[in-house]
Structures are given as C-alpha cells and as structure tokens.
N, C-alpha and C. Protein backbone atom coordinates (compact mmCIF):
# COMPACT_ATOMS: atom_id res chain seq x y z
N MET A 1 120.36 165.06 78.12
CA MET A 1 120.60 163.58 77.45
C MET A 1 121.11 162.83 79.29
N GLU A 2 120.51 162.85 79.19
CA GLU A 2 120.19 161.35 80.82
C GLU A 2 121.46 159.90 79.49
N PHE A 3 122.17 159.08 80.78
CA PHE A 3 123.05 157.84 80.36
C PHE A 3 122.36 157.32 79.58
N ILE A 4 120.99 156.62 80.34
CA ILE A 4 119.83 155.69 79.60
C ILE A 4 119.74 155.98 78.30
N ASP A 5 119.25 157.63 78.15
CA ASP A 5 118.87 158.41 76.51
C ASP A 5 119.61 158.41 75.56
N TYR A 6 120.55 158.03 76.80
CA TYR A 6 122.34 158.03 75.20
C TYR A 6 122.59 156.56 74.89
N LEU A 7 122.15 156.32 75.40
CA LEU A 7 122.29 154.71 75.32
C LEU A 7 121.15 153.63 74.10
N GLN A 8 120.39 154.45 74.69
CA GLN A 8 118.80 154.26 74.01
C GLN A 8 119.43 155.31 72.49
N ASN A 9 120.00 156.44 72.11
CA ASN A 9 120.33 156.42 71.46
C ASN A 9 120.94 156.60 69.55
N ARG A 10 122.25 155.40 71.09
CA ARG A 10 123.59 155.45 70.50
C ARG A 10 123.75 155.10 68.96
N HIS A 11 122.48 153.79 68.94
CA HIS A 11 122.98 153.58 66.94
C HIS A 11 122.69 154.28 66.70
N LYS A 12 121.94 155.15 66.50
CA LYS A 12 122.45 156.78 65.76
C LYS A 12 122.77 157.43 65.50
N LEU A 13 123.89 158.20 66.28
CA LEU A 13 125.24 158.40 67.00
C LEU A 13 126.16 158.06 66.27
N MET A 14 126.49 156.86 66.44
CA MET A 14 127.45 155.96 66.34
C MET A 14 127.03 154.83 64.71
N LYS A 15 127.91 154.96 63.62
CA LYS A 15 127.58 154.51 62.72
C LYS A 15 127.90 152.68 63.33
N GLY A 16 126.75 151.69 62.53
CA GLY A 16 127.47 149.94 63.01
C GLY A 16 126.80 149.63 64.02
N GLU A 17 126.43 150.89 65.05
CA GLU A 17 126.19 149.87 66.60
C GLU A 17 124.72 149.29 66.52
N ARG A 18 124.11 148.73 67.45
CA ARG A 18 123.44 147.49 67.51
C ARG A 18 122.34 148.67 68.38
N GLU A 19 121.18 148.96 68.19
CA GLU A 19 120.41 149.36 68.54
C GLU A 19 120.50 149.08 70.37
N ILE A 20 120.43 149.83 71.33
CA ILE A 20 119.82 149.05 72.58
C ILE A 20 118.57 149.62 72.86
N LYS A 21 118.03 148.06 73.24
CA LYS A 21 116.48 148.39 74.63
C LYS A 21 116.26 148.85 75.06
N GLU A 22 115.13 149.71 75.92
CA GLU A 22 115.12 150.60 76.92
C GLU A 22 115.13 149.70 78.04
N GLU A 23 114.89 147.91 77.91
CA GLU A 23 115.32 147.39 79.16
C GLU A 23 116.41 146.75 79.40
N SER A 24 117.56 147.14 78.31
CA SER A 24 118.82 146.85 78.64
C SER A 24 119.53 148.31 78.83
N ALA A 25 118.96 149.03 78.43
CA ALA A 25 119.51 150.80 79.01
C ALA A 25 119.06 150.71 80.46
N ARG A 26 119.02 150.58 80.89
CA ARG A 26 118.35 150.56 82.40
C ARG A 26 119.65 149.60 83.02
N GLN A 27 118.97 147.76 82.34
CA GLN A 27 120.51 147.66 82.76
C GLN A 27 121.59 148.12 83.02
N TYR A 28 122.20 148.37 82.05
CA TYR A 28 123.75 149.45 81.80
C TYR A 28 123.34 150.28 83.13
N ASN A 29 121.85 151.42 83.10
CA ASN A 29 122.86 152.59 84.61
C ASN A 29 123.24 151.64 85.69
N ASN A 30 121.80 150.63 85.87
CA ASN A 30 121.81 149.55 86.83
C ASN A 30 123.26 149.41 87.11
N ARG A 31 123.73 148.70 85.89
CA ARG A 31 125.52 148.46 86.33
C ARG A 31 126.25 149.70 87.03
N LEU A 32 126.23 150.13 85.71
CA LEU A 32 126.67 151.69 86.04
C LEU A 32 126.95 152.32 88.09
N VAL A 33 125.32 152.26 88.09
CA VAL A 33 125.53 152.92 89.97
C VAL A 33 126.09 151.66 90.73
N ASN A 34 125.99 150.55 90.36
CA ASN A 34 126.57 149.21 91.59
C ASN A 34 128.02 149.09 91.34
N LEU A 35 128.33 149.86 90.50
CA LEU A 35 130.27 150.19 90.05
C LEU A 35 130.74 151.71 91.07
N GLN A 36 129.45 151.64 90.64
CA GLN A 36 130.29 153.73 91.82
C GLN A 36 129.70 152.97 93.01
N LYS A 37 128.74 152.63 93.31
CA LYS A 37 128.25 152.31 95.05
C LYS A 37 129.33 151.87 95.54
N HIS A 38 130.49 150.25 94.50
CA HIS A 38 131.25 149.43 95.11
C HIS A 38 132.52 150.06 94.80
N LYS A 39 132.90 151.53 94.71
CA LYS A 39 133.80 151.95 93.79
C LYS A 39 134.97 151.67 93.77
N ILE A 40 134.38 150.95 92.25
CA ILE A 40 134.63 149.64 90.77
C ILE A 40 134.91 151.24 90.14
N TYR A 41 133.98 151.93 89.91
CA TYR A 41 134.49 152.83 88.83
C TYR A 41 133.92 154.17 89.21
N ASN A 42 134.66 154.80 89.42
CA ASN A 42 134.62 156.48 90.06
C ASN A 42 134.67 157.61 89.09
N GLY A 43 134.62 157.50 87.46
CA GLY A 43 134.13 158.39 86.76
C GLY A 43 135.35 159.53 85.56
N GLU A 44 135.91 157.28 86.21
CA GLU A 44 138.09 157.52 85.04
C GLU A 44 137.18 157.95 83.33
N LYS A 45 138.03 158.24 82.46
CA LYS A 45 137.97 158.52 80.99
C LYS A 45 138.49 157.43 80.33
N TYR A 46 138.76 156.13 81.18
CA TYR A 46 139.41 154.87 80.81
C TYR A 46 139.34 153.82 82.02
N ILE A 47 139.33 152.27 81.22
CA ILE A 47 139.45 151.17 82.37
C ILE A 47 140.83 150.74 82.49
N ASP A 48 140.84 150.46 83.85
CA ASP A 48 142.25 150.03 83.73
C ASP A 48 142.31 148.47 83.93
N GLU A 49 143.52 147.77 84.98
CA GLU A 49 143.71 146.68 84.88
C GLU A 49 143.02 146.38 86.06
N GLN A 50 143.50 147.76 86.35
CA GLN A 50 142.68 147.21 88.39
C GLN A 50 141.08 147.76 88.34
N MET A 51 140.37 148.06 87.59
CA MET A 51 138.36 148.30 87.66
C MET A 51 138.71 146.68 86.57
N LEU A 52 139.41 146.33 86.38
CA LEU A 52 138.85 144.58 85.29
C LEU A 52 139.09 143.79 86.85
N PHE A 53 140.13 143.95 87.04
CA PHE A 53 140.48 142.69 88.26
C PHE A 53 139.09 143.18 89.41
N LYS A 54 138.70 144.38 89.73
CA LYS A 54 137.99 144.27 90.98
C LYS A 54 136.47 143.94 90.38
N ILE A 55 136.03 144.49 89.19
CA ILE A 55 134.82 143.67 88.45
C ILE A 55 134.75 142.29 88.88
N LYS A 56 136.34 141.48 87.66
CA LYS A 56 136.08 139.78 88.31
C LYS A 56 136.10 138.97 89.35
N GLY A 57 136.25 140.32 90.80
CA GLY A 57 136.49 140.02 92.36
C GLY A 57 135.21 139.56 92.68
N HIS A 58 134.62 140.78 91.70
CA HIS A 58 132.95 140.86 92.65
C HIS A 58 132.19 140.90 91.96
N TYR A 59 132.43 140.62 90.29
CA TYR A 59 131.10 140.07 89.61
C TYR A 59 130.97 138.95 88.68
N LYS A 60 130.97 138.15 88.69
CA LYS A 60 130.80 137.14 87.58
C LYS A 60 130.14 137.58 86.60
N ASP A 61 131.09 137.97 85.79
CA ASP A 61 131.21 138.85 84.80
C ASP A 61 131.51 137.62 83.02
N THR A 62 130.82 137.25 82.99
CA THR A 62 131.14 136.23 81.32
C THR A 62 130.81 136.22 80.19
N THR A 63 129.96 137.36 80.81
CA THR A 63 130.00 138.63 79.35
C THR A 63 130.33 139.88 79.14
N ASN A 64 130.80 140.36 79.80
CA ASN A 64 131.43 141.74 79.81
C ASN A 64 130.61 143.18 80.07
N HIS A 65 129.52 142.32 80.98
CA HIS A 65 128.82 143.35 80.92
C HIS A 65 129.44 144.54 81.77
N TYR A 66 129.98 144.32 82.61
CA TYR A 66 130.38 145.73 83.52
C TYR A 66 131.58 146.60 83.10
N SER A 67 132.36 145.57 81.99
CA SER A 67 133.93 146.47 81.63
C SER A 67 132.88 147.58 80.50
N ARG A 68 131.58 146.60 79.27
CA ARG A 68 131.25 146.76 78.33
C ARG A 68 130.15 148.04 79.10
N THR A 69 129.59 148.25 79.91
CA THR A 69 128.92 149.62 80.46
C THR A 69 130.28 150.17 81.26
N ILE A 70 131.50 150.22 81.25
CA ILE A 70 131.89 151.28 81.71
C ILE A 70 132.41 151.81 80.64
N LYS A 71 132.69 151.36 79.51
CA LYS A 71 133.20 151.47 78.04
C LYS A 71 132.19 152.70 77.46
N TYR A 72 130.80 152.21 77.77
CA TYR A 72 129.38 153.00 77.07
C TYR A 72 129.52 154.05 77.97
N TYR A 73 129.89 154.18 79.09
CA TYR A 73 129.46 155.07 79.78
C TYR A 73 130.68 156.39 79.82
N ILE A 74 131.34 156.30 79.11
CA ILE A 74 133.02 157.03 78.90
C ILE A 74 132.22 157.90 77.55
N GLU A 75 132.07 156.67 76.39
CA GLU A 75 131.42 157.41 74.98
C GLU A 75 130.65 158.35 75.42
N TYR A 76 129.61 158.16 76.39
CA TYR A 76 128.56 159.41 77.11
C TYR A 76 129.56 160.21 77.62
N LEU A 77 130.42 160.03 78.13
CA LEU A 77 130.83 161.29 79.19
C LEU A 77 131.58 162.42 77.82
N ASN A 78 132.21 161.77 76.68
CA ASN A 78 132.88 161.92 76.08
C ASN A 78 131.79 162.64 74.50
N HIS A 79 130.53 161.94 74.41
CA HIS A 79 129.55 162.93 73.67
C HIS A 79 129.23 163.95 74.64
N LEU A 80 128.87 164.18 75.45
CA LEU A 80 128.47 165.02 76.76
C LEU A 80 129.53 166.41 76.33
N SER A 81 130.92 166.14 76.05
CA SER A 81 131.72 167.37 76.21
C SER A 81 131.91 167.39 74.59
N ARG A 82 131.37 166.84 73.08
CA ARG A 82 131.31 167.55 72.28
C ARG A 82 130.38 168.23 72.06
N ILE A 83 129.46 167.74 73.36
CA ILE A 83 127.81 169.50 72.87
C ILE A 83 127.51 170.40 73.47
C-alpha cells in the first residue's frame, strides 16, 4: 500500500476519521516529497521542535498541513509495520 492509498483509506482503518479525497491525498504526498527534498523530514517516527521550526521557516503553514503530513506519514509507517 502506497502513502496515497493509505490516506484515501485511512477513514476505513481508523474510527472517527474523515475521508481524504484523491486530490487532497496527492497534495499530502507532494508536501511529503518537498519536506524530504528540503531535508526537513527524513523518515523519523516522531515530530520534534526542530522540524516544526524548519517548517515555519520554510513554509507559511497557518493550517498545519505540513506537520499533519508528517503525522499521517508516521501513521502510515506504523500501519505498514503492523501488516
């Protein structure tokens, strides 16, 4: 299962979560690629203050999409380790 697939099916896997549409899932994936390209996120299984600081310095993230992207990716990695 790819990250985009996980996002689109996340609401089926986790009770109480809202559905993420295909376009939004692609946007989250693009954010992840950019976070990795700028070496802000490198596959860690946690979000630390330094990541949040780098996000604020590099992006205007008023809606927390970039930190949420990392959160979703960590969920995805945890999901992969359980299956």
